[in-house]
Amino acid sequence: MRIGMTYDLRSDYLAMGYGEEETAEFDRESTIDAIENALRTMGHEPVRIGNLMGLMPRLSAGERWDLVFNISEGLYGFGREALVPALLDAHRIPYVFSDPLVLALTLHKGMTKHVIRDHGIPTPAFAVVKTVADAEKVALPYPVFAKPVAEGTGKGVTPASKIVNPDQLRATCADLLATFGQPVLVETFLPGREFTVGIVGNGKDARSIGVMEVVLLANSEPDVYSYHNKEFCEELVEYRKVGDPEAKRAEETALASWHALGCQDGGRVDLRSDAGGIPNFIEVNPLAGLHPEHSDLCIIAGKFGISYQELLNGIVAAAIKRNGLAQ
């Protein structure tokens, strides 16, 4: 099968003058190499396409692929992750991972939480702050937690994200609004354990590949799985394979969230427990990072005895089955 590969290469954007944090969600060359090698090992013919700007002229020229392995994050707007799959839909080209509706919805954490809450899935009480004046109207008990409504990889998450009074809330929201040019999600801070659950598959075939607890070490930025802690996770974070009753409940909540949001093929759900030990949905990553050593989904797989090749085999097989393609 001829499989195109769409992605945003971090080095390309750094060369154009974008900053380290701006490009944090984009992929390293080593990730693209690893995916390409995995696809070739499956017996497919991988074809590198690159980002949206590389995809459009090739589509216009009439080039087509049997399937596209899409991990392109995009750069601007709430629909940035949806652009590539929307173009592929328009040309009736099947792809791996979620569709434009899911990717646009889940990028906006506030809209995602409305859907999750409507499904009766536990998630912290929240408010979306669009202006500094909106921060004055937040009526949640302190402490609260604030972060940009549509970023990933811990962007905008710092020790200042944990907020204990209205003055701090106003100042943090003002800073995030100015820095990221988008609304701020403010939610009740949960003091319990932090989990991330890897999921592969669709519908009744969707399954957890394992639950991992994120434990911040003494030298980390406290209480927050921040951009800094993620960037230097080897020194600041311990990732634990867990299977106790609370972790199992996190797994159940993650799968319920996966189905409620309509995610496809593979990804990751992040949760945090409240004071009573009940895991709450925090966010979902339907385009989870796939660096073999650094990305959470791959770390989860490794801890549960699943090789990188086996992980990608499962994801691609789920996409092939979902699209009704012959292998």
C-alpha atoms as a PDB file:
ATOM      1  CA  MET A   1       0.000   0.000   0.000  1.00  0.00           C
ATOM      2  CA  ARG A   2       1.312   3.462  -0.907  1.00  0.00           C
ATOM      3  CA  ILE A   3       1.056   5.552   2.282  1.00  0.00           C
ATOM      4  CA  GLY A   4       1.641   9.285   2.265  1.00  0.00           C
ATOM      5  CA  MET A   5       3.056  10.965   5.375  1.00  0.00           C
ATOM      6  CA  THR A   6       1.864  14.417   6.455  1.00  0.00           C
ATOM      7  CA  TYR A   7       3.588  16.159   9.362  1.00  0.00           C
ATOM      8  CA  ASP A   8       5.030  19.453  10.589  1.00  0.00           C
ATOM      9  CA  LEU A   9       8.791  19.275  10.999  1.00  0.00           C
ATOM     10  CA  ARG A  10      10.017  21.387  13.902  1.00  0.00           C
ATOM     11  CA  SER A  11      13.341  22.223  12.249  1.00  0.00           C
ATOM     12  CA  ASP A  12      11.526  23.734   9.245  1.00  0.00           C
ATOM     13  CA  TYR A  13       9.692  26.235  11.458  1.00  0.00           C
ATOM     14  CA  LEU A  14      12.746  27.017  13.605  1.00  0.00           C
ATOM     15  CA  ALA A  15      14.617  27.837  10.377  1.00  0.00           C
ATOM     16  CA  MET A  16      11.800  30.274   9.486  1.00  0.00           C
ATOM     17  CA  GLY A  17      12.336  32.122  12.769  1.00  0.00           C
ATOM     18  CA  TYR A  18       9.657  30.612  14.984  1.00  0.00           C
ATOM     19  CA  GLY A  19      10.564  30.054  18.632  1.00  0.00           C
ATOM     20  CA  GLU A  20      11.159  26.908  20.666  1.00  0.00           C
ATOM     21  CA  GLU A  21       7.819  27.020  22.497  1.00  0.00           C
ATOM     22  CA  GLU A  22       5.881  27.996  19.345  1.00  0.00           C
ATOM     23  CA  THR A  23       7.129  24.839  17.643  1.00  0.00           C
ATOM     24  CA  ALA A  24       6.937  22.516  20.659  1.00  0.00           C
ATOM     25  CA  GLU A  25       4.161  20.381  19.184  1.00  0.00           C
ATOM     26  CA  PHE A  26       5.951  19.774  15.889  1.00  0.00           C
ATOM     27  CA  ASP A  27       7.968  16.680  15.068  1.00  0.00           C
ATOM     28  CA  ARG A  28      11.644  15.894  15.042  1.00  0.00           C
ATOM     29  CA  GLU A  29      13.297  14.354  11.989  1.00  0.00           C
ATOM     30  CA  SER A  30      13.950  11.230  14.067  1.00  0.00           C
ATOM     31  CA  THR A  31      10.187  10.775  14.607  1.00  0.00           C
ATOM     32  CA  ILE A  32       9.495  10.933  10.878  1.00  0.00           C
ATOM     33  CA  ASP A  33      12.339   8.479  10.247  1.00  0.00           C
ATOM     34  CA  ALA A  34      10.891   6.076  12.829  1.00  0.00           C
ATOM     35  CA  ILE A  35       7.379   6.217  11.358  1.00  0.00           C
ATOM     36  CA  GLU A  36       8.708   5.763   7.834  1.00  0.00           C
ATOM     37  CA  ASN A  37      10.756   2.735   8.909  1.00  0.00           C
ATOM     38  CA  ALA A  38       7.750   1.233  10.718  1.00  0.00           C
ATOM     39  CA  LEU A  39       5.529   1.640   7.644  1.00  0.00           C
ATOM     40  CA  ARG A  40       8.163   0.066   5.435  1.00  0.00           C
ATOM     41  CA  THR A  41       8.551  -2.843   7.868  1.00  0.00           C
ATOM     42  CA  MET A  42       4.788  -3.441   7.529  1.00  0.00           C
ATOM     43  CA  GLY A  43       5.359  -3.891   3.794  1.00  0.00           C
ATOM     44  CA  HIS A  44       3.992  -0.503   2.721  1.00  0.00           C
ATOM     45  CA  GLU A  45       5.574   2.148   0.508  1.00  0.00           C
ATOM     46  CA  PRO A  46       5.898   5.336   2.601  1.00  0.00           C
ATOM     47  CA  VAL A  47       5.916   8.649   0.724  1.00  0.00           C
ATOM     48  CA  ARG A  48       6.960  11.813   2.555  1.00  0.00           C
ATOM     49  CA  ILE A  49       4.625  14.745   1.877  1.00  0.00           C
ATOM     50  CA  GLY A  50       5.304  17.140   4.761  1.00  0.00           C
ATOM     51  CA  ASN A  51       3.036  19.920   5.963  1.00  0.00           C
ATOM     52  CA  LEU A  52      -0.090  21.552   4.555  1.00  0.00           C
ATOM     53  CA  MET A  53       1.935  23.707   2.172  1.00  0.00           C
ATOM     54  CA  GLY A  54       3.596  20.587   0.802  1.00  0.00           C
ATOM     55  CA  LEU A  55       0.323  18.689   0.505  1.00  0.00           C
ATOM     56  CA  MET A  56      -1.731  21.243  -1.446  1.00  0.00           C
ATOM     57  CA  PRO A  57       0.373  21.439  -4.640  1.00  0.00           C
ATOM     58  CA  ARG A  58       0.697  17.661  -4.797  1.00  0.00           C
ATOM     59  CA  LEU A  59      -3.065  17.242  -4.547  1.00  0.00           C
ATOM     60  CA  SER A  60      -3.530  19.917  -7.217  1.00  0.00           C
ATOM     61  CA  ALA A  61      -1.095  18.061  -9.456  1.00  0.00           C
ATOM     62  CA  GLY A  62      -3.236  14.922  -9.151  1.00  0.00           C
ATOM     63  CA  GLU A  63      -1.005  12.860  -6.873  1.00  0.00           C
ATOM     64  CA  ARG A  64      -2.869  10.327  -4.741  1.00  0.00           C
ATOM     65  CA  TRP A  65      -2.079   7.761  -2.037  1.00  0.00           C
ATOM     66  CA  ASP A  66      -3.883   4.649  -0.825  1.00  0.00           C
ATOM     67  CA  LEU A  67      -3.765   6.014   2.726  1.00  0.00           C
ATOM     68  CA  VAL A  68      -2.183   9.009   4.457  1.00  0.00           C
ATOM     69  CA  PHE A  69      -0.525   8.751   7.862  1.00  0.00           C
ATOM     70  CA  ASN A  70      -1.397  12.194   9.181  1.00  0.00           C
ATOM     71  CA  ILE A  71       0.243  13.787  12.213  1.00  0.00           C
ATOM     72  CA  SER A  72       0.202  17.383  10.933  1.00  0.00           C
ATOM     73  CA  GLU A  73      -0.595  19.822  13.765  1.00  0.00           C
ATOM     74  CA  GLY A  74      -0.889  23.074  11.783  1.00  0.00           C
ATOM     75  CA  LEU A  75       0.086  26.514  13.018  1.00  0.00           C
ATOM     76  CA  TYR A  76      -2.854  28.931  13.221  1.00  0.00           C
ATOM     77  CA  GLY A  77      -6.427  28.900  14.498  1.00  0.00           C
ATOM     78  CA  PHE A  78      -8.735  26.468  16.254  1.00  0.00           C
ATOM     79  CA  GLY A  79      -9.059  24.415  13.051  1.00  0.00           C
ATOM     80  CA  ARG A  80      -5.343  24.022  12.439  1.00  0.00           C
ATOM     81  CA  GLU A  81      -5.237  20.294  13.175  1.00  0.00           C
ATOM     82  CA  ALA A  82      -8.313  19.738  10.983  1.00  0.00           C
ATOM     83  CA  LEU A  83      -6.895  21.284   7.808  1.00  0.00           C
ATOM     84  CA  VAL A  84      -5.044  18.275   6.422  1.00  0.00           C
ATOM     85  CA  PRO A  85      -7.809  15.700   7.017  1.00  0.00           C
ATOM     86  CA  ALA A  86     -10.380  18.151   5.613  1.00  0.00           C
ATOM     87  CA  LEU A  87      -8.358  18.427   2.398  1.00  0.00           C
ATOM     88  CA  LEU A  88      -7.974  14.662   2.258  1.00  0.00           C
ATOM     89  CA  ASP A  89     -11.729  14.219   2.774  1.00  0.00           C
ATOM     90  CA  ALA A  90     -12.368  16.628  -0.100  1.00  0.00           C
ATOM     91  CA  HIS A  91     -10.210  14.424  -2.350  1.00  0.00           C
ATOM     92  CA  ARG A  92     -11.654  11.186  -0.917  1.00  0.00           C
ATOM     93  CA  ILE A  93      -8.284  10.001   0.330  1.00  0.00           C
ATOM     94  CA  PRO A  94      -8.437   7.900   3.524  1.00  0.00           C
ATOM     95  CA  TYR A  95      -6.099   8.719   6.395  1.00  0.00           C
ATOM     96  CA  VAL A  96      -4.885   7.527   9.783  1.00  0.00           C
ATOM     97  CA  PHE A  97      -6.202   9.228  12.944  1.00  0.00           C
ATOM     98  CA  SER A  98      -9.215  11.390  13.635  1.00  0.00           C
ATOM     99  CA  ASP A  99     -11.390  13.398  11.253  1.00  0.00           C
ATOM    100  CA  PRO A 100     -11.740  17.212  10.994  1.00  0.00           C
ATOM    101  CA  LEU A 101     -14.713  17.402  13.360  1.00  0.00           C
ATOM    102  CA  VAL A 102     -12.882  15.565  16.149  1.00  0.00           C
ATOM    103  CA  LEU A 103      -9.641  17.473  15.656  1.00  0.00           C
ATOM    104  CA  ALA A 104     -11.314  20.894  15.656  1.00  0.00           C
ATOM    105  CA  LEU A 105     -13.428  20.011  18.695  1.00  0.00           C
ATOM    106  CA  THR A 106     -10.697  18.488  20.806  1.00  0.00           C
ATOM    107  CA  LEU A 107      -8.164  21.252  20.150  1.00  0.00           C
ATOM    108  CA  HIS A 108     -10.539  23.615  21.993  1.00  0.00           C
ATOM    109  CA  LYS A 109     -10.436  22.276  25.545  1.00  0.00           C
ATOM    110  CA  GLY A 110     -13.510  24.236  26.639  1.00  0.00           C
ATOM    111  CA  MET A 111     -15.740  22.863  23.877  1.00  0.00           C
ATOM    112  CA  THR A 112     -14.377  19.373  24.526  1.00  0.00           C
ATOM    113  CA  LYS A 113     -15.312  19.593  28.198  1.00  0.00           C
ATOM    114  CA  HIS A 114     -18.893  20.612  27.305  1.00  0.00           C
ATOM    115  CA  VAL A 115     -19.260  17.364  25.336  1.00  0.00           C
ATOM    116  CA  ILE A 116     -17.595  15.296  28.056  1.00  0.00           C
ATOM    117  CA  ARG A 117     -19.798  16.855  30.749  1.00  0.00           C
ATOM    118  CA  ASP A 118     -22.948  16.258  28.682  1.00  0.00           C
ATOM    119  CA  HIS A 119     -22.006  12.567  28.536  1.00  0.00           C
ATOM    120  CA  GLY A 120     -21.853  12.430  32.334  1.00  0.00           C
ATOM    121  CA  ILE A 121     -18.092  11.857  32.400  1.00  0.00           C
ATOM    122  CA  PRO A 122     -16.288  13.439  35.372  1.00  0.00           C
ATOM    123  CA  THR A 123     -14.345  16.589  34.486  1.00  0.00           C
ATOM    124  CA  PRO A 124     -13.398  19.614  36.623  1.00  0.00           C
ATOM    125  CA  ALA A 125     -15.816  22.551  36.755  1.00  0.00           C
ATOM    126  CA  PHE A 126     -14.557  25.229  34.374  1.00  0.00           C
ATOM    127  CA  ALA A 127     -14.911  28.647  32.776  1.00  0.00           C
ATOM    128  CA  VAL A 128     -13.534  30.019  29.511  1.00  0.00           C
ATOM    129  CA  VAL A 129     -12.004  33.475  29.895  1.00  0.00           C
ATOM    130  CA  LYS A 130     -11.965  35.523  26.679  1.00  0.00           C
ATOM    131  CA  THR A 131     -11.039  38.898  28.187  1.00  0.00           C
ATOM    132  CA  VAL A 132      -9.408  40.123  31.383  1.00  0.00           C
ATOM    133  CA  ALA A 133     -12.855  41.336  32.460  1.00  0.00           C
ATOM    134  CA  ASP A 134     -14.131  37.752  32.178  1.00  0.00           C
ATOM    135  CA  ALA A 135     -11.607  36.705  34.829  1.00  0.00           C
ATOM    136  CA  GLU A 136     -13.526  38.851  37.347  1.00  0.00           C
ATOM    137  CA  LYS A 137     -16.641  36.738  36.722  1.00  0.00           C
ATOM    138  CA  VAL A 138     -15.093  33.323  37.378  1.00  0.00           C
ATOM    139  CA  ALA A 139     -17.026  31.810  40.276  1.00  0.00           C
ATOM    140  CA  LEU A 140     -14.995  28.680  40.994  1.00  0.00           C
ATOM    141  CA  PRO A 141     -13.540  27.862  44.415  1.00  0.00           C
ATOM    142  CA  TYR A 142      -9.783  28.277  44.755  1.00  0.00           C
ATOM    143  CA  PRO A 143      -7.345  26.897  43.919  1.00  0.00           C
ATOM    144  CA  VAL A 144      -8.006  26.917  40.172  1.00  0.00           C
ATOM    145  CA  PHE A 145      -5.840  26.045  37.192  1.00  0.00           C
ATOM    146  CA  ALA A 146      -5.416  28.182  34.053  1.00  0.00           C
ATOM    147  CA  LYS A 147      -3.975  27.360  30.636  1.00  0.00           C
ATOM    148  CA  PRO A 148      -4.487  28.366  26.991  1.00  0.00           C
ATOM    149  CA  VAL A 149      -7.689  26.814  25.626  1.00  0.00           C
ATOM    150  CA  ALA A 150      -6.110  25.409  22.462  1.00  0.00           C
ATOM    151  CA  GLU A 151      -2.478  24.471  22.994  1.00  0.00           C
ATOM    152  CA  GLY A 152      -0.648  21.225  23.708  1.00  0.00           C
ATOM    153  CA  THR A 153       2.711  19.950  24.968  1.00  0.00           C
ATOM    154  CA  GLY A 154       2.253  21.986  28.145  1.00  0.00           C
ATOM    155  CA  LYS A 155       2.493  25.310  26.276  1.00  0.00           C
ATOM    156  CA  GLY A 156       1.455  28.121  28.604  1.00  0.00           C
ATOM    157  CA  VAL A 157       1.463  25.836  31.644  1.00  0.00           C
ATOM    158  CA  THR A 158       3.829  27.097  34.364  1.00  0.00           C
ATOM    159  CA  PRO A 159       3.810  27.226  38.173  1.00  0.00           C
ATOM    160  CA  ALA A 160       1.670  30.391  37.780  1.00  0.00           C
ATOM    161  CA  SER A 161      -1.087  28.183  36.304  1.00  0.00           C
ATOM    162  CA  LYS A 162      -2.057  27.051  39.812  1.00  0.00           C
ATOM    163  CA  ILE A 163      -3.944  30.046  41.195  1.00  0.00           C
ATOM    164  CA  VAL A 164      -5.034  30.736  44.769  1.00  0.00           C
ATOM    165  CA  ASN A 165      -6.746  34.155  44.661  1.00  0.00           C
ATOM    166  CA  PRO A 166      -8.571  36.579  42.307  1.00  0.00           C
ATOM    167  CA  ASP A 167      -5.589  38.897  41.868  1.00  0.00           C
ATOM    168  CA  GLN A 168      -3.418  36.036  40.693  1.00  0.00           C
ATOM    169  CA  LEU A 169      -6.182  34.805  38.385  1.00  0.00           C
ATOM    170  CA  ARG A 170      -6.501  38.224  36.771  1.00  0.00           C
ATOM    171  CA  ALA A 171      -2.738  38.533  36.280  1.00  0.00           C
ATOM    172  CA  THR A 172      -2.274  35.014  34.912  1.00  0.00           C
ATOM    173  CA  CYS A 173      -5.206  35.338  32.507  1.00  0.00           C
ATOM    174  CA  ALA A 174      -3.923  38.720  31.282  1.00  0.00           C
ATOM    175  CA  ASP A 175      -0.509  37.198  30.594  1.00  0.00           C
ATOM    176  CA  LEU A 176      -1.885  34.132  28.790  1.00  0.00           C
ATOM    177  CA  LEU A 177      -4.337  36.189  26.706  1.00  0.00           C
ATOM    178  CA  ALA A 178      -1.533  38.502  25.607  1.00  0.00           C
ATOM    179  CA  THR A 179       0.980  35.732  24.948  1.00  0.00           C
ATOM    180  CA  PHE A 180      -1.194  33.223  23.100  1.00  0.00           C
ATOM    181  CA  GLY A 181      -3.936  35.391  21.596  1.00  0.00           C
ATOM    182  CA  GLN A 182      -6.686  32.924  22.527  1.00  0.00           C
ATOM    183  CA  PRO A 183      -9.083  32.323  25.435  1.00  0.00           C
ATOM    184  CA  VAL A 184      -7.928  30.811  28.717  1.00  0.00           C
ATOM    185  CA  LEU A 185      -9.440  27.685  30.242  1.00  0.00           C
ATOM    186  CA  VAL A 186      -9.865  28.037  34.005  1.00  0.00           C
ATOM    187  CA  GLU A 187     -10.884  24.928  35.906  1.00  0.00           C
ATOM    188  CA  THR A 188     -10.998  23.622  39.435  1.00  0.00           C
ATOM    189  CA  PHE A 189      -7.568  22.392  40.485  1.00  0.00           C
ATOM    190  CA  LEU A 190      -7.590  18.678  41.271  1.00  0.00           C
ATOM    191  CA  PRO A 191      -5.079  17.576  43.947  1.00  0.00           C
ATOM    192  CA  GLY A 192      -4.976  13.863  43.124  1.00  0.00           C
ATOM    193  CA  ARG A 193      -2.887  11.545  40.979  1.00  0.00           C
ATOM    194  CA  GLU A 194      -2.235  12.267  37.293  1.00  0.00           C
ATOM    195  CA  PHE A 195      -2.727   9.557  34.671  1.00  0.00           C
ATOM    196  CA  THR A 196      -2.409   9.236  30.932  1.00  0.00           C
ATOM    197  CA  VAL A 197      -4.049   6.356  29.061  1.00  0.00           C
ATOM    198  CA  GLY A 198      -2.994   5.098  25.638  1.00  0.00           C
ATOM    199  CA  ILE A 199      -5.794   3.951  23.341  1.00  0.00           C
ATOM    200  CA  VAL A 200      -5.712   2.097  20.011  1.00  0.00           C
ATOM    201  CA  GLY A 201      -8.693   1.159  17.857  1.00  0.00           C
ATOM    202  CA  ASN A 202     -12.221   2.176  16.975  1.00  0.00           C
ATOM    203  CA  GLY A 203     -15.710   1.356  18.203  1.00  0.00           C
ATOM    204  CA  LYS A 204     -15.961  -1.964  20.003  1.00  0.00           C
ATOM    205  CA  ASP A 205     -12.340  -2.688  19.027  1.00  0.00           C
ATOM    206  CA  ALA A 206     -10.978   0.366  20.894  1.00  0.00           C
ATOM    207  CA  ARG A 207      -8.767  -0.747  23.756  1.00  0.00           C
ATOM    208  CA  SER A 208      -6.437   0.684  26.340  1.00  0.00           C
ATOM    209  CA  ILE A 209      -2.818  -0.282  25.830  1.00  0.00           C
ATOM    210  CA  GLY A 210      -2.003   0.744  29.388  1.00  0.00           C
ATOM    211  CA  VAL A 211      -2.263   3.367  32.119  1.00  0.00           C
ATOM    212  CA  MET A 212       0.741   5.444  33.144  1.00  0.00           C
ATOM    213  CA  GLU A 213       0.973   7.677  36.191  1.00  0.00           C
ATOM    214  CA  VAL A 214       2.866  10.946  35.835  1.00  0.00           C
ATOM    215  CA  VAL A 215       4.849  11.607  39.021  1.00  0.00           C
ATOM    216  CA  LEU A 216       6.660  14.938  39.370  1.00  0.00           C
ATOM    217  CA  LEU A 217      10.026  14.652  41.102  1.00  0.00           C
ATOM    218  CA  ALA A 218      11.292  16.934  43.855  1.00  0.00           C
ATOM    219  CA  ASN A 219      13.330  19.096  41.458  1.00  0.00           C
ATOM    220  CA  SER A 220      10.415  19.684  39.028  1.00  0.00           C
ATOM    221  CA  GLU A 221       8.078  22.642  38.789  1.00  0.00           C
ATOM    222  CA  PRO A 222       5.556  21.604  41.474  1.00  0.00           C
ATOM    223  CA  ASP A 223       1.899  20.629  40.942  1.00  0.00           C
ATOM    224  CA  VAL A 224       1.880  21.163  37.164  1.00  0.00           C
ATOM    225  CA  TYR A 225       2.831  18.929  34.227  1.00  0.00           C
ATOM    226  CA  SER A 226       4.256  22.043  32.618  1.00  0.00           C
ATOM    227  CA  TYR A 227       6.037  22.775  29.352  1.00  0.00           C
ATOM    228  CA  HIS A 228       9.336  22.865  31.296  1.00  0.00           C
ATOM    229  CA  ASN A 229       8.669  19.556  33.033  1.00  0.00           C
ATOM    230  CA  LYS A 230       7.716  17.906  29.732  1.00  0.00           C
ATOM    231  CA  GLU A 231      10.750  19.268  27.873  1.00  0.00           C
ATOM    232  CA  PHE A 232      13.100  17.935  30.556  1.00  0.00           C
ATOM    233  CA  CYS A 233      11.044  14.906  31.578  1.00  0.00           C
ATOM    234  CA  GLU A 234      14.061  12.600  31.819  1.00  0.00           C
ATOM    235  CA  GLU A 235      15.306  14.558  34.852  1.00  0.00           C
ATOM    236  CA  LEU A 236      12.056  15.930  36.288  1.00  0.00           C
ATOM    237  CA  VAL A 237       9.347  13.282  35.825  1.00  0.00           C
ATOM    238  CA  GLU A 238       8.903   9.627  36.745  1.00  0.00           C
ATOM    239  CA  TYR A 239       6.517   7.625  34.582  1.00  0.00           C
ATOM    240  CA  ARG A 240       5.008   4.639  36.389  1.00  0.00           C
ATOM    241  CA  LYS A 241       3.180   1.637  34.970  1.00  0.00           C
ATOM    242  CA  VAL A 242       0.052   1.315  37.130  1.00  0.00           C
ATOM    243  CA  GLY A 243      -2.886  -1.073  37.391  1.00  0.00           C
ATOM    244  CA  ASP A 244      -4.429  -0.459  40.811  1.00  0.00           C
ATOM    245  CA  PRO A 245      -8.208   0.174  41.192  1.00  0.00           C
ATOM    246  CA  GLU A 246      -7.878   3.959  40.763  1.00  0.00           C
ATOM    247  CA  ALA A 247      -5.825   3.463  37.606  1.00  0.00           C
ATOM    248  CA  LYS A 248      -8.419   0.996  36.295  1.00  0.00           C
ATOM    249  CA  ARG A 249     -11.099   3.612  36.882  1.00  0.00           C
ATOM    250  CA  ALA A 250      -8.989   6.112  34.943  1.00  0.00           C
ATOM    251  CA  GLU A 251      -8.819   3.582  32.106  1.00  0.00           C
ATOM    252  CA  GLU A 252     -12.607   3.218  32.059  1.00  0.00           C
ATOM    253  CA  THR A 253     -13.086   6.997  32.033  1.00  0.00           C
ATOM    254  CA  ALA A 254     -10.543   7.371  29.231  1.00  0.00           C
ATOM    255  CA  LEU A 255     -12.324   4.841  27.030  1.00  0.00           C
ATOM    256  CA  ALA A 256     -15.706   6.448  27.737  1.00  0.00           C
ATOM    257  CA  SER A 257     -14.212   9.807  26.706  1.00  0.00           C
ATOM    258  CA  TRP A 258     -12.691   8.293  23.546  1.00  0.00           C
ATOM    259  CA  HIS A 259     -16.103   7.010  22.462  1.00  0.00           C
ATOM    260  CA  ALA A 260     -17.976  10.188  23.471  1.00  0.00           C
ATOM    261  CA  LEU A 261     -15.684  12.363  21.351  1.00  0.00           C
ATOM    262  CA  GLY A 262     -15.511   9.986  18.369  1.00  0.00           C
ATOM    263  CA  CYS A 263     -11.716   9.707  18.292  1.00  0.00           C
ATOM    264  CA  GLN A 264     -10.173   7.329  15.771  1.00  0.00           C
ATOM    265  CA  ASP A 265      -7.336   4.803  15.444  1.00  0.00           C
ATOM    266  CA  GLY A 266      -5.048   5.849  18.299  1.00  0.00           C
ATOM    267  CA  GLY A 267      -4.278   8.544  20.817  1.00  0.00           C
ATOM    268  CA  ARG A 268      -4.072   9.427  24.476  1.00  0.00           C
ATOM    269  CA  VAL A 269      -6.420  10.646  27.217  1.00  0.00           C
ATOM    270  CA  ASP A 270      -5.094  12.611  30.211  1.00  0.00           C
ATOM    271  CA  LEU A 271      -6.825  12.470  33.591  1.00  0.00           C
ATOM    272  CA  ARG A 272      -6.344  13.738  37.120  1.00  0.00           C
ATOM    273  CA  SER A 273      -8.043  12.519  40.277  1.00  0.00           C
ATOM    274  CA  ASP A 274     -10.034  14.718  42.637  1.00  0.00           C
ATOM    275  CA  ALA A 275      -9.669  14.737  46.429  1.00  0.00           C
ATOM    276  CA  GLY A 276     -11.869  11.642  46.616  1.00  0.00           C
ATOM    277  CA  GLY A 277      -9.648   9.633  44.259  1.00  0.00           C
ATOM    278  CA  ILE A 278     -12.047   9.807  41.303  1.00  0.00           C
ATOM    279  CA  PRO A 279     -10.194  10.259  37.982  1.00  0.00           C
ATOM    280  CA  ASN A 280     -11.495  13.210  35.958  1.00  0.00           C
ATOM    281  CA  PHE A 281     -11.088  13.838  32.235  1.00  0.00           C
ATOM    282  CA  ILE A 282      -8.608  16.667  31.617  1.00  0.00           C
ATOM    283  CA  GLU A 283      -7.977  16.498  27.876  1.00  0.00           C
ATOM    284  CA  VAL A 284      -7.527  14.165  24.921  1.00  0.00           C
ATOM    285  CA  ASN A 285      -4.758  14.081  22.345  1.00  0.00           C
ATOM    286  CA  PRO A 286      -6.066  12.467  19.140  1.00  0.00           C
ATOM    287  CA  LEU A 287      -2.758  13.309  17.393  1.00  0.00           C
ATOM    288  CA  ALA A 288      -0.452  12.044  20.119  1.00  0.00           C
ATOM    289  CA  GLY A 289       3.291  12.425  19.720  1.00  0.00           C
ATOM    290  CA  LEU A 290       5.066   9.411  18.232  1.00  0.00           C
ATOM    291  CA  HIS A 291       8.723   9.949  19.086  1.00  0.00           C
ATOM    292  CA  PRO A 292       9.898   6.443  20.058  1.00  0.00           C
ATOM    293  CA  GLU A 293      11.565   7.486  23.339  1.00  0.00           C
ATOM    294  CA  HIS A 294      10.177  10.908  24.256  1.00  0.00           C
ATOM    295  CA  SER A 295       6.414  10.758  23.540  1.00  0.00           C
ATOM    296  CA  ASP A 296       3.980   9.662  26.256  1.00  0.00           C
ATOM    297  CA  LEU A 297       2.009   7.250  24.054  1.00  0.00           C
ATOM    298  CA  CYS A 298       5.196   5.415  23.092  1.00  0.00           C
ATOM    299  CA  ILE A 299       6.423   5.412  26.699  1.00  0.00           C
ATOM    300  CA  ILE A 300       3.123   3.827  27.787  1.00  0.00           C
ATOM    301  CA  ALA A 301       3.448   1.174  25.084  1.00  0.00           C
ATOM    302  CA  GLY A 302       6.993   0.348  26.133  1.00  0.00           C
ATOM    303  CA  LYS A 303       6.071  -0.007  29.791  1.00  0.00           C
ATOM    304  CA  PHE A 304       3.387  -2.533  28.854  1.00  0.00           C
ATOM    305  CA  GLY A 305       5.632  -4.614  26.599  1.00  0.00           C
ATOM    306  CA  ILE A 306       4.442  -3.195  23.278  1.00  0.00           C
ATOM    307  CA  SER A 307       7.217  -2.314  20.854  1.00  0.00           C
ATOM    308  CA  TYR A 308       7.142   0.828  18.711  1.00  0.00           C
ATOM    309  CA  GLN A 309       6.569  -1.344  15.655  1.00  0.00           C
ATOM    310  CA  GLU A 310       3.666  -3.146  17.335  1.00  0.00           C
ATOM    311  CA  LEU A 311       2.111   0.157  18.390  1.00  0.00           C
ATOM    312  CA  LEU A 312       2.178   1.523  14.848  1.00  0.00           C
ATOM    313  CA  ASN A 313       1.023  -1.813  13.437  1.00  0.00           C
ATOM    314  CA  GLY A 314      -2.086  -1.569  15.619  1.00  0.00           C
ATOM    315  CA  ILE A 315      -2.803   2.052  14.706  1.00  0.00           C
ATOM    316  CA  VAL A 316      -2.438   1.476  10.955  1.00  0.00           C
ATOM    317  CA  ALA A 317      -4.454  -1.751  11.091  1.00  0.00           C
ATOM    318  CA  ALA A 318      -7.267   0.128  12.871  1.00  0.00           C
ATOM    319  CA  ALA A 319      -7.275   2.810  10.147  1.00  0.00           C
ATOM    320  CA  ILE A 320      -7.250   0.228   7.347  1.00  0.00           C
ATOM    321  CA  LYS A 321     -10.185  -1.628   8.887  1.00  0.00           C
ATOM    322  CA  ARG A 322     -12.141   1.589   9.573  1.00  0.00           C
ATOM    323  CA  ASN A 323     -11.712   2.707   5.969  1.00  0.00           C
ATOM    324  CA  GLY A 324     -12.579  -0.702   4.526  1.00  0.00           C
ATOM    325  CA  LEU A 325      -9.264  -0.993   2.704  1.00  0.00           C
ATOM    326  CA  ALA A 326      -7.624  -4.199   1.531  1.00  0.00           C
ATOM    327  CA  GLN A 327      -4.289  -4.731   3.219  1.00  0.00           C
END
